[in-house]
Every structure is written in structure tokens, then in C-alpha cells.
């Protein structure tokens, strides 16, 4: 299980993003298939519960005429950003990996 504190937000006293947590699962099985060959079957499941929390948000409150972003009101010709406080990244969804390791 992985726990991680949320990321700091810079603007308007927003505080932090929520805590992130994730359960991962790993299983290995080593059946005897051939005499001189070792075979291992591997199963990994990441984010078992498929928890999907916001990891970061748009922190820039204003956009300039050239499309660049600003987080203060000192820039001239500023426009409110339509993406301010919108999510930028989320936790990865559930991921399942199945593999076989053969040693001889």
C-alpha cells in the first residue's frame, strides 16, 4: 500500500490537494514444468481499488495575450484563465501486468 501527501497549491490559500493512496498486489507462482527449466508466472496489479484522485490542478489564475499563464495581477492585458483550479493530472487507473520468467 502506498500513501502520499497531496501537492501544495500556491494560490489564494487553497491549501493542498487531497492525500493519495493506492493498493498494489504482486503474486508469483513457480510450477515445475520441465526438469532443467525454471518457470515463474508473475501477476502484478497496480491500484487494485482503481482509486482515481486529482494529483494536480491549474494554479495560474490569469492568461496573457500570448497565451502564457500568470499567477498574479501585476501583468498587463490579463484575462482570467478558464482552466484555473481545473484538474491537470489524475492517479493512474488500475493496471494489470501478467508475465512469465523462464530460466535454463
N, C-alpha and C. Protein backbone atom coordinates (compact mmCIF):
# COMPACT_ATOMS: atom_id res chain seq x y z
N UNK A 1 0.85 -1.16 0.00
CA UNK A 1 0.00 0.00 0.00
C UNK A 1 0.90 1.24 0.00
N UNK A 2 0.52 2.23 -0.74
CA UNK A 2 1.29 3.46 -0.84
C UNK A 2 0.43 4.62 -0.38
N UNK A 3 0.99 5.47 0.50
CA UNK A 3 0.32 6.69 0.95
C UNK A 3 1.18 7.86 0.54
N UNK A 4 0.60 8.96 0.11
CA UNK A 4 1.38 10.13 -0.27
C UNK A 4 0.59 11.38 0.08
N UNK A 5 1.28 12.35 0.66
CA UNK A 5 0.63 13.63 0.98
C UNK A 5 0.34 14.36 -0.32
N UNK A 6 -0.71 15.16 -0.33
CA UNK A 6 -1.08 15.93 -1.51
C UNK A 6 -0.07 17.00 -1.84
N UNK A 7 -0.12 17.50 -3.05
CA UNK A 7 0.78 18.56 -3.51
C UNK A 7 0.33 19.91 -2.99
N UNK A 8 1.29 20.78 -2.75
CA UNK A 8 1.00 22.12 -2.27
C UNK A 8 0.40 22.97 -3.39
N UNK A 9 -0.58 23.76 -3.08
CA UNK A 9 -1.15 24.70 -4.04
C UNK A 9 -0.69 26.10 -3.67
N UNK A 10 -0.34 26.91 -4.65
CA UNK A 10 0.27 28.20 -4.39
C UNK A 10 -0.73 29.34 -4.20
N UNK A 11 -1.84 29.31 -4.85
CA UNK A 11 -2.69 30.50 -4.96
C UNK A 11 -3.87 30.52 -4.00
N UNK A 12 -4.19 31.74 -3.58
CA UNK A 12 -5.45 32.04 -2.89
C UNK A 12 -5.68 31.18 -1.66
N UNK A 13 -4.64 30.72 -0.97
CA UNK A 13 -4.82 29.94 0.24
C UNK A 13 -5.58 28.65 0.03
N UNK A 14 -5.39 28.02 -1.12
CA UNK A 14 -6.14 26.81 -1.44
C UNK A 14 -5.72 25.60 -0.62
N UNK A 15 -4.54 25.66 0.02
CA UNK A 15 -4.09 24.53 0.80
C UNK A 15 -3.42 23.48 -0.05
N UNK A 16 -3.78 22.23 0.13
CA UNK A 16 -3.13 21.12 -0.55
C UNK A 16 -4.17 20.29 -1.29
N UNK A 17 -3.69 19.51 -2.26
CA UNK A 17 -4.58 18.54 -2.90
C UNK A 17 -4.81 17.41 -1.90
N UNK A 18 -5.83 16.59 -2.10
CA UNK A 18 -6.12 15.51 -1.15
C UNK A 18 -4.99 14.48 -1.08
N UNK A 19 -4.96 13.73 0.03
CA UNK A 19 -4.00 12.64 0.16
C UNK A 19 -4.26 11.61 -0.91
N UNK A 20 -3.21 10.94 -1.34
CA UNK A 20 -3.32 9.88 -2.34
C UNK A 20 -3.02 8.56 -1.67
N UNK A 21 -3.73 7.53 -2.04
CA UNK A 21 -3.42 6.19 -1.56
C UNK A 21 -3.67 5.20 -2.69
N UNK A 22 -2.98 4.08 -2.60
CA UNK A 22 -3.06 3.09 -3.68
C UNK A 22 -2.65 1.73 -3.13
N UNK A 23 -3.38 0.69 -3.47
CA UNK A 23 -3.02 -0.68 -3.10
C UNK A 23 -2.49 -1.37 -4.33
N UNK A 24 -1.31 -2.00 -4.19
CA UNK A 24 -0.70 -2.78 -5.27
C UNK A 24 -0.61 -4.24 -4.81
N UNK A 25 -0.63 -5.15 -5.76
CA UNK A 25 -0.65 -6.57 -5.47
C UNK A 25 0.37 -7.27 -6.36
N UNK A 26 1.15 -8.19 -5.80
CA UNK A 26 2.16 -8.95 -6.55
C UNK A 26 2.04 -10.41 -6.16
N UNK A 27 2.00 -11.30 -7.18
CA UNK A 27 1.90 -12.73 -6.94
C UNK A 27 2.84 -13.44 -7.89
N UNK A 28 3.60 -14.40 -7.35
CA UNK A 28 4.49 -15.24 -8.17
C UNK A 28 4.19 -16.70 -7.89
N UNK A 29 4.19 -17.49 -8.94
CA UNK A 29 3.98 -18.93 -8.84
C UNK A 29 5.07 -19.62 -9.65
N UNK A 30 5.72 -20.63 -9.07
CA UNK A 30 6.81 -21.31 -9.75
C UNK A 30 6.44 -22.79 -9.93
N UNK A 31 5.70 -23.12 -10.99
CA UNK A 31 5.36 -24.53 -11.21
C UNK A 31 6.56 -25.27 -11.84
N UNK A 32 6.66 -26.57 -11.57
CA UNK A 32 7.72 -27.39 -12.17
C UNK A 32 7.17 -27.93 -13.49
N UNK A 33 7.59 -27.32 -14.62
CA UNK A 33 7.10 -27.71 -15.93
C UNK A 33 8.08 -28.66 -16.61
N UNK A 34 9.36 -28.29 -16.65
CA UNK A 34 10.40 -29.13 -17.25
C UNK A 34 11.49 -29.38 -16.22
N UNK A 35 12.30 -30.42 -16.44
CA UNK A 35 13.32 -30.80 -15.47
C UNK A 35 14.39 -29.74 -15.26
N UNK A 36 14.97 -29.22 -16.33
CA UNK A 36 16.11 -28.29 -16.21
C UNK A 36 15.73 -26.84 -16.49
N UNK A 37 14.44 -26.56 -16.47
CA UNK A 37 13.97 -25.20 -16.77
C UNK A 37 13.10 -24.71 -15.60
N UNK A 38 13.45 -23.56 -15.07
CA UNK A 38 12.65 -22.92 -14.03
C UNK A 38 11.69 -21.93 -14.67
N UNK A 39 10.42 -22.07 -14.38
CA UNK A 39 9.39 -21.19 -14.93
C UNK A 39 8.67 -20.48 -13.78
N UNK A 40 8.51 -19.18 -13.89
CA UNK A 40 7.81 -18.40 -12.88
C UNK A 40 6.71 -17.58 -13.57
N UNK A 41 5.50 -17.71 -13.08
CA UNK A 41 4.37 -16.92 -13.59
C UNK A 41 4.18 -15.76 -12.62
N UNK A 42 4.09 -14.54 -13.17
CA UNK A 42 4.03 -13.33 -12.34
C UNK A 42 2.76 -12.55 -12.65
N UNK A 43 2.08 -12.11 -11.60
CA UNK A 43 0.91 -11.25 -11.75
C UNK A 43 1.11 -10.02 -10.88
N UNK A 44 1.03 -8.84 -11.47
CA UNK A 44 1.09 -7.57 -10.76
C UNK A 44 -0.20 -6.81 -11.04
N UNK A 45 -0.81 -6.29 -9.99
CA UNK A 45 -1.98 -5.43 -10.15
C UNK A 45 -1.66 -4.13 -9.40
N UNK A 46 -1.66 -3.03 -10.13
CA UNK A 46 -1.39 -1.71 -9.55
C UNK A 46 -2.70 -0.96 -9.41
N UNK A 47 -2.87 -0.25 -8.30
CA UNK A 47 -4.09 0.49 -7.99
C UNK A 47 -5.30 -0.46 -8.01
N UNK A 48 -5.25 -1.46 -7.15
CA UNK A 48 -6.26 -2.52 -7.10
C UNK A 48 -7.67 -1.96 -6.97
N UNK A 49 -7.85 -0.94 -6.14
CA UNK A 49 -9.18 -0.38 -5.90
C UNK A 49 -9.61 0.63 -6.97
N UNK A 50 -8.72 0.91 -7.92
CA UNK A 50 -8.99 1.85 -9.01
C UNK A 50 -9.34 3.24 -8.47
N UNK A 51 -8.70 3.63 -7.37
CA UNK A 51 -8.90 4.95 -6.77
C UNK A 51 -8.34 6.00 -7.73
N UNK A 52 -9.12 7.03 -8.04
CA UNK A 52 -8.76 7.98 -9.08
C UNK A 52 -8.86 9.41 -8.53
N UNK A 53 -7.82 9.85 -7.81
CA UNK A 53 -7.83 11.17 -7.19
C UNK A 53 -7.06 12.17 -8.04
N UNK A 54 -7.44 13.44 -7.94
CA UNK A 54 -6.73 14.51 -8.63
C UNK A 54 -5.35 14.69 -8.00
N UNK A 55 -4.30 14.72 -8.81
CA UNK A 55 -2.94 14.88 -8.30
C UNK A 55 -2.43 16.31 -8.41
N UNK A 56 -2.92 17.06 -9.39
CA UNK A 56 -2.51 18.46 -9.52
C UNK A 56 -3.61 19.24 -10.24
N UNK A 57 -3.64 20.55 -9.97
CA UNK A 57 -4.63 21.43 -10.59
C UNK A 57 -3.92 22.62 -11.23
N UNK A 58 -4.63 23.31 -12.10
CA UNK A 58 -4.09 24.51 -12.75
C UNK A 58 -3.98 25.61 -11.71
N UNK A 59 -2.75 26.08 -11.47
CA UNK A 59 -2.53 27.10 -10.43
C UNK A 59 -2.48 28.52 -10.98
N UNK A 60 -2.44 28.70 -12.27
CA UNK A 60 -2.31 30.04 -12.82
C UNK A 60 -3.68 30.65 -13.06
N UNK A 61 -3.90 31.82 -12.46
CA UNK A 61 -5.22 32.44 -12.46
C UNK A 61 -5.48 33.27 -13.71
N UNK A 62 -4.43 33.77 -14.35
CA UNK A 62 -4.61 34.67 -15.49
C UNK A 62 -3.84 34.19 -16.71
N UNK A 63 -4.32 34.57 -17.89
CA UNK A 63 -3.59 34.31 -19.12
C UNK A 63 -3.28 35.65 -19.79
N UNK A 64 -2.12 35.71 -20.44
CA UNK A 64 -1.75 36.90 -21.18
C UNK A 64 -2.26 36.83 -22.60
N UNK A 65 -2.04 37.88 -23.38
CA UNK A 65 -2.48 37.90 -24.78
C UNK A 65 -1.76 36.84 -25.61
N UNK A 66 -0.54 36.49 -25.18
CA UNK A 66 0.23 35.50 -25.93
C UNK A 66 -0.10 34.07 -25.49
N UNK A 67 -1.05 33.89 -24.60
CA UNK A 67 -1.44 32.56 -24.14
C UNK A 67 -0.65 32.06 -22.96
N UNK A 68 0.32 32.85 -22.48
CA UNK A 68 1.10 32.41 -21.32
C UNK A 68 0.28 32.61 -20.05
N UNK A 69 0.65 31.89 -19.00
CA UNK A 69 -0.10 31.92 -17.75
C UNK A 69 0.63 32.73 -16.68
N UNK A 70 -0.15 33.43 -15.84
CA UNK A 70 0.38 34.22 -14.73
C UNK A 70 -0.41 33.89 -13.49
N UNK A 71 0.24 34.01 -12.33
CA UNK A 71 -0.49 33.76 -11.09
C UNK A 71 -0.63 35.02 -10.24
N UNK A 72 -0.33 36.18 -10.82
CA UNK A 72 -0.53 37.42 -10.07
C UNK A 72 -1.24 38.45 -10.96
N UNK A 73 -1.64 39.55 -10.36
CA UNK A 73 -2.42 40.55 -11.08
C UNK A 73 -1.56 41.70 -11.60
N UNK A 74 -0.24 41.58 -11.59
CA UNK A 74 0.63 42.68 -11.99
C UNK A 74 0.88 42.72 -13.49
N UNK A 75 0.53 41.67 -14.21
CA UNK A 75 0.76 41.64 -15.65
C UNK A 75 -0.32 42.47 -16.37
N UNK A 76 0.11 43.19 -17.39
CA UNK A 76 -0.87 43.96 -18.16
C UNK A 76 -1.58 43.06 -19.16
N UNK A 77 -2.74 43.46 -19.59
CA UNK A 77 -3.55 42.72 -20.56
C UNK A 77 -3.81 41.28 -20.10
N UNK A 78 -4.25 41.14 -18.89
CA UNK A 78 -4.50 39.81 -18.36
C UNK A 78 -5.97 39.43 -18.53
N UNK A 79 -6.21 38.18 -18.69
CA UNK A 79 -7.55 37.63 -18.79
C UNK A 79 -7.67 36.52 -17.76
N UNK A 80 -8.83 36.37 -17.14
CA UNK A 80 -8.99 35.23 -16.23
C UNK A 80 -8.83 33.92 -17.02
N UNK A 81 -8.09 33.00 -16.45
CA UNK A 81 -7.89 31.71 -17.10
C UNK A 81 -9.13 30.84 -16.95
N UNK A 82 -9.66 30.29 -18.05
CA UNK A 82 -10.84 29.42 -17.94
C UNK A 82 -10.48 28.08 -17.29
N UNK A 83 -9.19 27.79 -17.15
CA UNK A 83 -8.76 26.50 -16.61
C UNK A 83 -8.30 26.58 -15.16
N UNK A 84 -8.41 27.75 -14.53
CA UNK A 84 -7.96 27.92 -13.16
C UNK A 84 -8.71 26.96 -12.24
N UNK A 85 -7.98 26.24 -11.40
CA UNK A 85 -8.49 25.24 -10.46
C UNK A 85 -9.01 23.98 -11.15
N UNK A 86 -8.81 23.83 -12.44
CA UNK A 86 -9.22 22.62 -13.14
C UNK A 86 -8.16 21.53 -12.95
N UNK A 87 -8.56 20.26 -12.85
CA UNK A 87 -7.59 19.18 -12.68
C UNK A 87 -6.66 19.07 -13.90
N UNK A 88 -5.38 18.84 -13.61
CA UNK A 88 -4.39 18.61 -14.67
C UNK A 88 -4.00 17.15 -14.78
N UNK A 89 -3.79 16.50 -13.64
CA UNK A 89 -3.39 15.10 -13.65
C UNK A 89 -4.17 14.32 -12.60
N UNK A 90 -4.39 13.05 -12.91
CA UNK A 90 -5.07 12.12 -12.02
C UNK A 90 -4.14 10.94 -11.74
N UNK A 91 -4.47 10.16 -10.70
CA UNK A 91 -3.76 8.92 -10.46
C UNK A 91 -3.98 7.98 -11.64
N UNK A 92 -3.00 7.10 -11.87
CA UNK A 92 -3.17 6.15 -12.96
C UNK A 92 -4.30 5.18 -12.62
N UNK A 93 -5.05 4.72 -13.62
CA UNK A 93 -6.12 3.76 -13.35
C UNK A 93 -5.52 2.39 -13.05
N UNK A 94 -6.38 1.44 -12.73
CA UNK A 94 -5.92 0.08 -12.44
C UNK A 94 -5.11 -0.44 -13.63
N UNK A 95 -4.00 -1.09 -13.30
CA UNK A 95 -3.11 -1.65 -14.32
C UNK A 95 -2.80 -3.08 -13.93
N UNK A 96 -3.00 -4.02 -14.86
CA UNK A 96 -2.73 -5.43 -14.61
C UNK A 96 -1.61 -5.87 -15.55
N UNK A 97 -0.59 -6.50 -14.96
CA UNK A 97 0.55 -6.99 -15.75
C UNK A 97 0.74 -8.48 -15.45
N UNK A 98 0.76 -9.28 -16.50
CA UNK A 98 0.97 -10.71 -16.40
C UNK A 98 2.25 -11.05 -17.14
N UNK A 99 3.11 -11.82 -16.51
CA UNK A 99 4.39 -12.14 -17.14
C UNK A 99 4.83 -13.56 -16.83
N UNK A 100 5.80 -14.04 -17.63
CA UNK A 100 6.38 -15.36 -17.44
C UNK A 100 7.90 -15.20 -17.49
N UNK A 101 8.57 -15.76 -16.51
CA UNK A 101 10.04 -15.75 -16.48
C UNK A 101 10.51 -17.18 -16.64
N UNK A 102 11.42 -17.40 -17.60
CA UNK A 102 11.96 -18.73 -17.86
C UNK A 102 13.46 -18.68 -17.71
N UNK A 103 14.01 -19.56 -16.87
CA UNK A 103 15.47 -19.65 -16.66
C UNK A 103 15.92 -21.07 -16.97
N UNK A 104 16.99 -21.17 -17.75
CA UNK A 104 17.52 -22.51 -18.08
C UNK A 104 19.02 -22.48 -18.15
